Amino acid sequence: MTLSELQRIYTAPLFDLMERARATFSSHWNKREIQLCTLLSIKTGGCSEDCAYCAQSARYRTGVQSERLMSVQQVVEVARGARAIGSTRFCMGAAWKGVRNGDGKFEQVLEIVRAVSQLGMEVCVTLGHLTLPEAKKLREAGVTAYNHNIDTSEDFYPEIVSTHSFADRLNTIQAVQEAQIAVCCGGIIGMGETELDRLKMLQVLTSFDPPPESVPINCLIPMPGTPLENQPPVDIFELVRLVATTRIALPKAKVRLSAGRTRLTREAQALCLFAGANSIFYGDKLLTAKNPGVDQDRALMAALDLDPRSPPLPTPVR
């Protein structure tokens, strides 16, 4: 979509926008179904990058300690627990700038992926920058999706990170797509960007070929010790507008309410789910940030008459 098209959608009267988004959602998805995903930090802290929102950067004093890569057994135990509470997607994140073919840490990750892929869930990883050889190995090991958010617009990106470029992000996404892994790509709002920056970010997402399989929309959680620690909460109606516009622009993508739900009321989350979000991260922790508890989310789903999505049929890895 063009930027002007996205602006026309986004600036429509709010209830008209929500009605259009709901109709788009209902024509492509089971409107009572929600996908539950669990996110685990398999290697925490000590990252060399300077992303201004991230508590895992070694450049900031956030209290997050650098830890070793978890063992296969540790990760599989968490994955089994996630499956038991209804998650159908297991996401694993590592606080690295990226991975390289042949590195010992990458080989360990591949071993973890092979073990988790046997549990019958979608397997998503976020490992930073990679090239086509690494992407191909991840697919062979059983990865079904790679998360690599572009975070914001290309214009605002240098305000958030200086240790890599916006183009670096796009190069990784291209490698992932060439390896025929689904792309999970979205952004973070509330970092000081404008609403226009958010639409420019969305314009980039709509240009992907194929489109992203899922779009996480994160609301910044200001982490003490990071440059963005004093950012105010996102206006709820701006969030709803972005969710609705994303649903219209990318009708076949899962739109995931990601980080920041602890700063949203139940009613605010309900508006986002009505406007087209159909996935959440499930469990009391997202990497190093808090997330609503399982009991809270179960109560919310019950109140909204939403059903967890059934596990996908297993697809053989070729």
Protein backbone atom coordinates (compact mmCIF):
# COMPACT_ATOMS: atom_id res chain seq x y z
CA MET A 1 0.00 0.00 0.00
CA THR A 2 1.08 3.57 -0.52
CA LEU A 3 1.60 5.89 2.42
CA SER A 4 -1.33 8.06 1.33
CA GLU A 5 -3.62 5.01 1.24
CA LEU A 6 -2.56 4.05 4.76
CA GLN A 7 -3.11 7.61 5.96
CA ARG A 8 -6.65 7.64 4.56
CA ILE A 9 -7.43 4.38 6.34
CA TYR A 10 -5.83 5.44 9.62
CA THR A 11 -7.51 8.85 9.83
CA ALA A 12 -11.05 7.63 9.14
CA PRO A 13 -13.59 8.21 11.93
CA LEU A 14 -12.60 5.77 14.65
CA PHE A 15 -15.78 3.68 14.70
CA ASP A 16 -15.83 3.52 10.88
CA LEU A 17 -12.22 2.34 10.94
CA MET A 18 -12.98 -0.31 13.55
CA GLU A 19 -16.03 -1.56 11.64
CA ARG A 20 -13.99 -1.90 8.44
CA ALA A 21 -11.18 -3.67 10.28
CA ARG A 22 -13.65 -6.03 11.96
CA ALA A 23 -15.26 -6.88 8.64
CA THR A 24 -11.83 -7.57 7.12
CA PHE A 25 -10.92 -9.72 10.10
CA SER A 26 -14.15 -11.74 9.96
CA SER A 27 -13.75 -12.46 6.25
CA HIS A 28 -10.28 -13.99 6.72
CA TRP A 29 -10.20 -15.47 10.22
CA ASN A 30 -12.30 -17.27 12.79
CA LYS A 31 -13.22 -14.20 14.81
CA ARG A 32 -13.59 -16.17 18.05
CA GLU A 33 -10.16 -17.78 17.82
CA ILE A 34 -6.93 -16.41 19.28
CA GLN A 35 -3.43 -17.82 19.00
CA LEU A 36 -1.45 -18.13 22.21
CA CYS A 37 2.33 -17.82 21.91
CA THR A 38 5.03 -18.23 24.52
CA LEU A 39 8.30 -16.30 24.36
CA LEU A 40 11.44 -17.47 26.15
CA SER A 41 14.80 -15.75 26.43
CA ILE A 42 17.24 -18.61 25.83
CA LYS A 43 20.27 -16.32 26.15
CA THR A 44 19.76 -13.22 28.29
CA GLY A 45 21.79 -10.01 28.59
CA GLY A 46 25.21 -8.88 27.46
CA CYS A 47 24.15 -7.78 23.97
CA SER A 48 26.61 -5.50 22.15
CA GLU A 49 23.85 -3.53 20.40
CA ASP A 50 22.62 -0.14 21.67
CA CYS A 51 18.86 -0.40 21.02
CA ALA A 52 17.47 2.37 23.22
CA TYR A 53 14.50 0.34 24.42
CA CYS A 54 16.34 -2.82 25.44
CA ALA A 55 17.30 -3.80 28.98
CA GLN A 56 19.60 -6.51 27.61
CA SER A 57 22.12 -4.12 26.10
CA ALA A 58 25.53 -4.30 27.78
CA ARG A 59 25.79 -0.53 27.28
CA TYR A 60 23.14 0.31 29.88
CA ARG A 61 22.91 -0.24 33.62
CA THR A 62 19.57 -2.01 33.86
CA GLY A 63 20.27 -4.72 36.39
CA VAL A 64 19.91 -7.46 33.78
CA GLN A 65 22.80 -9.87 34.16
CA SER A 66 24.43 -11.64 31.24
CA GLU A 67 23.62 -15.35 31.25
CA ARG A 68 24.81 -18.39 29.33
CA LEU A 69 22.75 -20.02 26.59
CA MET A 70 20.20 -22.37 28.13
CA SER A 71 20.60 -26.10 27.66
CA VAL A 72 18.43 -28.18 25.35
CA GLN A 73 16.81 -29.86 28.35
CA GLN A 74 15.99 -26.54 30.03
CA VAL A 75 14.38 -25.11 26.91
CA VAL A 76 12.39 -28.25 26.11
CA GLU A 77 11.02 -28.30 29.65
CA VAL A 78 9.72 -24.74 29.27
CA ALA A 79 8.33 -25.54 25.80
CA ARG A 80 6.43 -28.54 27.15
CA GLY A 81 4.96 -26.37 29.87
CA ALA A 82 3.89 -23.79 27.30
CA ARG A 83 2.20 -26.46 25.20
CA ALA A 84 0.41 -27.76 28.29
CA ILE A 85 -1.22 -24.38 28.97
CA GLY A 86 -2.39 -23.96 25.37
CA SER A 87 0.40 -22.20 23.47
CA THR A 88 0.68 -23.30 19.85
CA ARG A 89 3.75 -21.21 19.05
CA PHE A 90 7.00 -21.28 20.97
CA CYS A 91 9.32 -18.34 20.39
CA MET A 92 12.97 -18.26 21.48
CA GLY A 93 15.06 -15.13 21.68
CA ALA A 94 18.79 -14.67 22.18
CA ALA A 95 20.47 -11.38 23.10
CA TRP A 96 23.04 -11.38 20.30
CA LYS A 97 23.89 -9.05 17.45
CA GLY A 98 23.52 -12.05 15.18
CA VAL A 99 24.65 -15.59 14.38
CA ARG A 100 27.15 -17.06 11.94
CA ASN A 101 27.25 -20.42 10.30
CA GLY A 102 29.76 -22.66 12.06
CA ASP A 103 29.79 -20.80 15.39
CA GLY A 104 29.42 -23.05 18.41
CA LYS A 105 26.55 -21.00 19.80
CA PHE A 106 24.66 -21.30 16.52
CA GLU A 107 25.12 -25.06 16.49
CA GLN A 108 23.70 -25.17 20.03
CA VAL A 109 20.67 -23.19 18.91
CA LEU A 110 20.11 -25.60 16.03
CA GLU A 111 20.17 -28.47 18.50
CA ILE A 112 17.58 -26.69 20.66
CA VAL A 113 15.37 -26.04 17.64
CA ARG A 114 15.48 -29.69 16.58
CA ALA A 115 14.33 -30.77 20.03
CA VAL A 116 11.54 -28.18 20.34
CA SER A 117 10.26 -28.88 16.82
CA GLN A 118 9.36 -32.41 17.92
CA LEU A 119 6.69 -31.05 20.29
CA GLY A 120 4.16 -30.16 17.59
CA MET A 121 4.18 -26.38 18.01
CA GLU A 122 5.17 -23.64 15.60
CA VAL A 123 8.82 -22.80 16.27
CA CYS A 124 9.91 -19.16 16.06
CA VAL A 125 13.35 -17.75 16.83
CA THR A 126 14.82 -14.27 17.03
CA LEU A 127 18.61 -14.34 16.95
CA GLY A 128 19.54 -11.00 15.42
CA HIS A 129 21.18 -10.66 12.04
CA LEU A 130 21.79 -13.64 9.80
CA THR A 131 22.43 -14.48 6.16
CA LEU A 132 21.02 -17.10 3.83
CA PRO A 133 23.21 -20.03 4.98
CA GLU A 134 22.11 -19.59 8.60
CA ALA A 135 18.48 -19.16 7.57
CA LYS A 136 18.57 -22.38 5.55
CA LYS A 137 20.02 -24.29 8.50
CA LEU A 138 17.33 -22.94 10.80
CA ARG A 139 14.63 -24.09 8.39
CA GLU A 140 16.19 -27.55 8.12
CA ALA A 141 16.27 -27.77 11.93
CA GLY A 142 12.55 -27.03 12.16
CA VAL A 143 12.10 -23.25 12.46
CA THR A 144 8.74 -22.20 11.03
CA ALA A 145 9.03 -18.44 11.59
CA TYR A 146 11.78 -15.89 12.20
CA ASN A 147 11.05 -12.75 14.21
CA HIS A 148 12.97 -9.67 13.12
CA ASN A 149 11.10 -6.46 13.85
CA ILE A 150 11.86 -3.29 11.92
CA ASP A 151 10.71 -1.40 15.04
CA THR A 152 9.80 1.95 13.46
CA SER A 153 10.19 4.00 10.29
CA GLU A 154 13.49 4.22 8.44
CA ASP A 155 13.54 7.97 9.19
CA PHE A 156 13.25 7.51 12.97
CA TYR A 157 15.41 4.39 13.18
CA PRO A 158 18.73 6.20 13.82
CA GLU A 159 17.16 7.76 16.93
CA ILE A 160 16.70 4.27 18.40
CA VAL A 161 19.83 2.35 17.42
CA SER A 162 23.24 3.19 15.93
CA THR A 163 24.97 -0.21 15.94
CA HIS A 164 23.12 -1.43 12.86
CA SER A 165 21.02 0.14 10.13
CA PHE A 166 17.47 -0.19 8.91
CA ALA A 167 18.89 -1.75 5.75
CA ASP A 168 20.60 -4.41 7.88
CA ARG A 169 17.19 -5.42 9.20
CA LEU A 170 15.77 -5.69 5.71
CA ASN A 171 18.72 -7.78 4.54
CA THR A 172 18.08 -10.34 7.27
CA ILE A 173 14.39 -10.46 6.40
CA GLN A 174 15.29 -11.05 2.74
CA ALA A 175 17.53 -13.97 3.72
CA VAL A 176 14.76 -15.46 5.85
CA GLN A 177 12.29 -15.23 2.98
CA GLU A 178 14.75 -16.74 0.51
CA ALA A 179 15.08 -19.69 2.90
CA GLN A 180 11.26 -20.04 2.81
CA ILE A 181 10.80 -19.31 6.49
CA ALA A 182 7.75 -17.27 7.46
CA VAL A 183 8.55 -13.73 8.57
CA CYS A 184 7.27 -12.36 11.88
CA CYS A 185 7.90 -8.64 11.70
CA GLY A 186 6.37 -5.62 13.38
CA GLY A 187 7.38 -2.72 15.53
CA ILE A 188 7.38 -0.87 18.81
CA ILE A 189 5.29 2.21 19.44
CA GLY A 190 5.73 4.76 22.20
CA MET A 191 9.46 5.40 21.64
CA GLY A 192 8.97 9.06 20.73
CA GLU A 193 8.06 8.45 17.10
CA THR A 194 5.14 10.16 15.36
CA GLU A 195 1.98 8.51 14.07
CA LEU A 196 3.40 9.11 10.58
CA ASP A 197 6.48 7.07 11.52
CA ARG A 198 4.20 4.20 12.47
CA LEU A 199 2.43 4.34 9.12
CA LYS A 200 5.76 4.48 7.27
CA MET A 201 6.77 1.34 9.17
CA LEU A 202 3.51 -0.32 8.13
CA GLN A 203 4.08 0.72 4.53
CA VAL A 204 7.38 -1.18 4.55
CA LEU A 205 5.65 -4.27 5.95
CA THR A 206 3.05 -4.19 3.17
CA SER A 207 5.86 -4.13 0.59
CA PHE A 208 7.26 -7.51 1.67
CA ASP A 209 6.84 -10.31 -0.88
CA PRO A 210 5.42 -12.50 0.51
CA PRO A 211 3.76 -10.40 3.21
CA PRO A 212 4.73 -11.06 6.83
CA GLU A 213 3.00 -14.10 8.31
CA SER A 214 2.55 -12.26 11.60
CA VAL A 215 2.90 -8.67 12.78
CA PRO A 216 3.71 -8.08 16.46
CA ILE A 217 2.65 -4.67 17.74
CA ASN A 218 4.62 -3.83 20.86
CA CYS A 219 3.91 -0.94 23.18
CA LEU A 220 7.13 0.25 24.76
CA ILE A 221 7.76 -0.92 28.30
CA PRO A 222 10.16 1.76 29.60
CA MET A 223 12.97 -0.22 31.22
CA PRO A 224 14.92 1.50 34.02
CA GLY A 225 18.44 2.31 32.93
CA THR A 226 17.66 2.57 29.22
CA PRO A 227 17.50 5.87 27.31
CA LEU A 228 13.73 5.48 26.95
CA GLU A 229 13.02 4.82 30.63
CA ASN A 230 10.84 7.95 31.01
CA GLN A 231 8.64 7.58 27.94
CA PRO A 232 4.90 8.00 28.66
CA PRO A 233 2.30 5.33 27.81
CA VAL A 234 0.88 5.12 24.30
CA ASP A 235 -2.54 6.68 23.78
CA ILE A 236 -4.96 3.75 23.57
CA PHE A 237 -6.88 5.15 20.62
CA GLU A 238 -3.65 5.55 18.64
CA LEU A 239 -2.91 1.89 19.38
CA VAL A 240 -6.39 0.80 18.29
CA ARG A 241 -6.07 2.82 15.09
CA LEU A 242 -2.75 1.14 14.30
CA VAL A 243 -4.10 -2.35 15.00
CA ALA A 244 -7.14 -1.69 12.81
CA THR A 245 -5.06 -0.21 9.98
CA THR A 246 -2.65 -3.16 10.15
CA ARG A 247 -5.56 -5.60 9.94
CA ILE A 248 -6.91 -3.86 6.82
CA ALA A 249 -3.50 -3.50 5.18
CA LEU A 250 -2.39 -7.08 5.94
CA PRO A 251 -5.62 -9.07 6.15
CA LYS A 252 -3.98 -12.52 6.15
CA ALA A 253 -1.35 -11.80 8.81
CA LYS A 254 -1.71 -12.66 12.45
CA VAL A 255 -1.70 -9.35 14.30
CA ARG A 256 -0.16 -9.96 17.70
CA LEU A 257 -0.58 -7.83 20.80
CA SER A 258 2.90 -8.19 22.16
CA ALA A 259 4.89 -6.31 24.81
CA GLY A 260 3.17 -3.65 26.86
CA ARG A 261 -0.11 -5.36 27.69
CA THR A 262 0.62 -4.84 31.39
CA ARG A 263 0.05 -1.12 30.72
CA LEU A 264 -3.32 -1.76 29.03
CA THR A 265 -6.64 -2.25 30.76
CA ARG A 266 -8.81 -5.24 29.93
CA GLU A 267 -11.10 -2.88 28.05
CA ALA A 268 -8.20 -1.50 25.99
CA GLN A 269 -7.12 -5.03 25.06
CA ALA A 270 -10.72 -5.87 24.12
CA LEU A 271 -10.80 -2.91 21.70
CA CYS A 272 -7.59 -4.10 20.06
CA LEU A 273 -8.91 -7.65 19.75
CA PHE A 274 -12.16 -6.38 18.25
CA ALA A 275 -10.18 -4.27 15.77
CA GLY A 276 -8.36 -7.30 14.42
CA ALA A 277 -5.62 -8.52 16.75
CA ASN A 278 -5.81 -12.32 16.95
CA SER A 279 -2.74 -13.40 18.87
CA ILE A 280 -1.08 -12.64 22.20
CA PHE A 281 2.04 -13.64 24.05
CA TYR A 282 0.97 -15.92 26.86
CA GLY A 283 2.83 -16.32 30.13
CA ASP A 284 4.02 -13.99 32.87
CA LYS A 285 7.30 -12.92 31.21
CA LEU A 286 8.47 -11.64 27.81
CA LEU A 287 12.25 -11.93 27.66
CA THR A 288 13.00 -9.59 30.59
CA ALA A 289 9.70 -7.70 30.79
CA LYS A 290 6.52 -8.52 32.69
CA ASN A 291 3.43 -9.86 30.92
CA PRO A 292 -0.10 -10.53 32.20
CA GLY A 293 -0.34 -13.84 34.06
CA VAL A 294 -1.93 -16.95 32.58
CA ASP A 295 -4.93 -16.70 34.90
CA GLN A 296 -5.51 -13.09 33.88
CA ASP A 297 -5.45 -13.96 30.20
CA ARG A 298 -7.71 -16.95 30.67
CA ALA A 299 -10.21 -14.70 32.45
CA LEU A 300 -9.98 -12.14 29.64
CA MET A 301 -10.54 -14.78 26.95
CA ALA A 302 -13.52 -16.14 28.87
CA ALA A 303 -15.03 -12.66 29.24
CA LEU A 304 -14.65 -12.04 25.50
CA ASP A 305 -15.81 -15.54 24.48
CA LEU A 306 -12.52 -16.23 22.70
CA ASP A 307 -11.13 -19.72 22.17
CA PRO A 308 -7.44 -20.63 21.98
CA ARG A 309 -6.40 -21.66 18.51
CA SER A 310 -5.94 -25.39 17.98
CA PRO A 311 -2.42 -26.67 17.28
CA PRO A 312 -1.51 -26.80 13.56
CA LEU A 313 -1.12 -30.11 11.81
CA PRO A 314 2.56 -31.08 11.77
CA THR A 315 4.39 -30.28 8.54
CA PRO A 316 7.37 -32.49 7.69
CA VAL A 317 10.67 -30.61 7.40
CA ARG A 318 12.29 -31.25 4.03
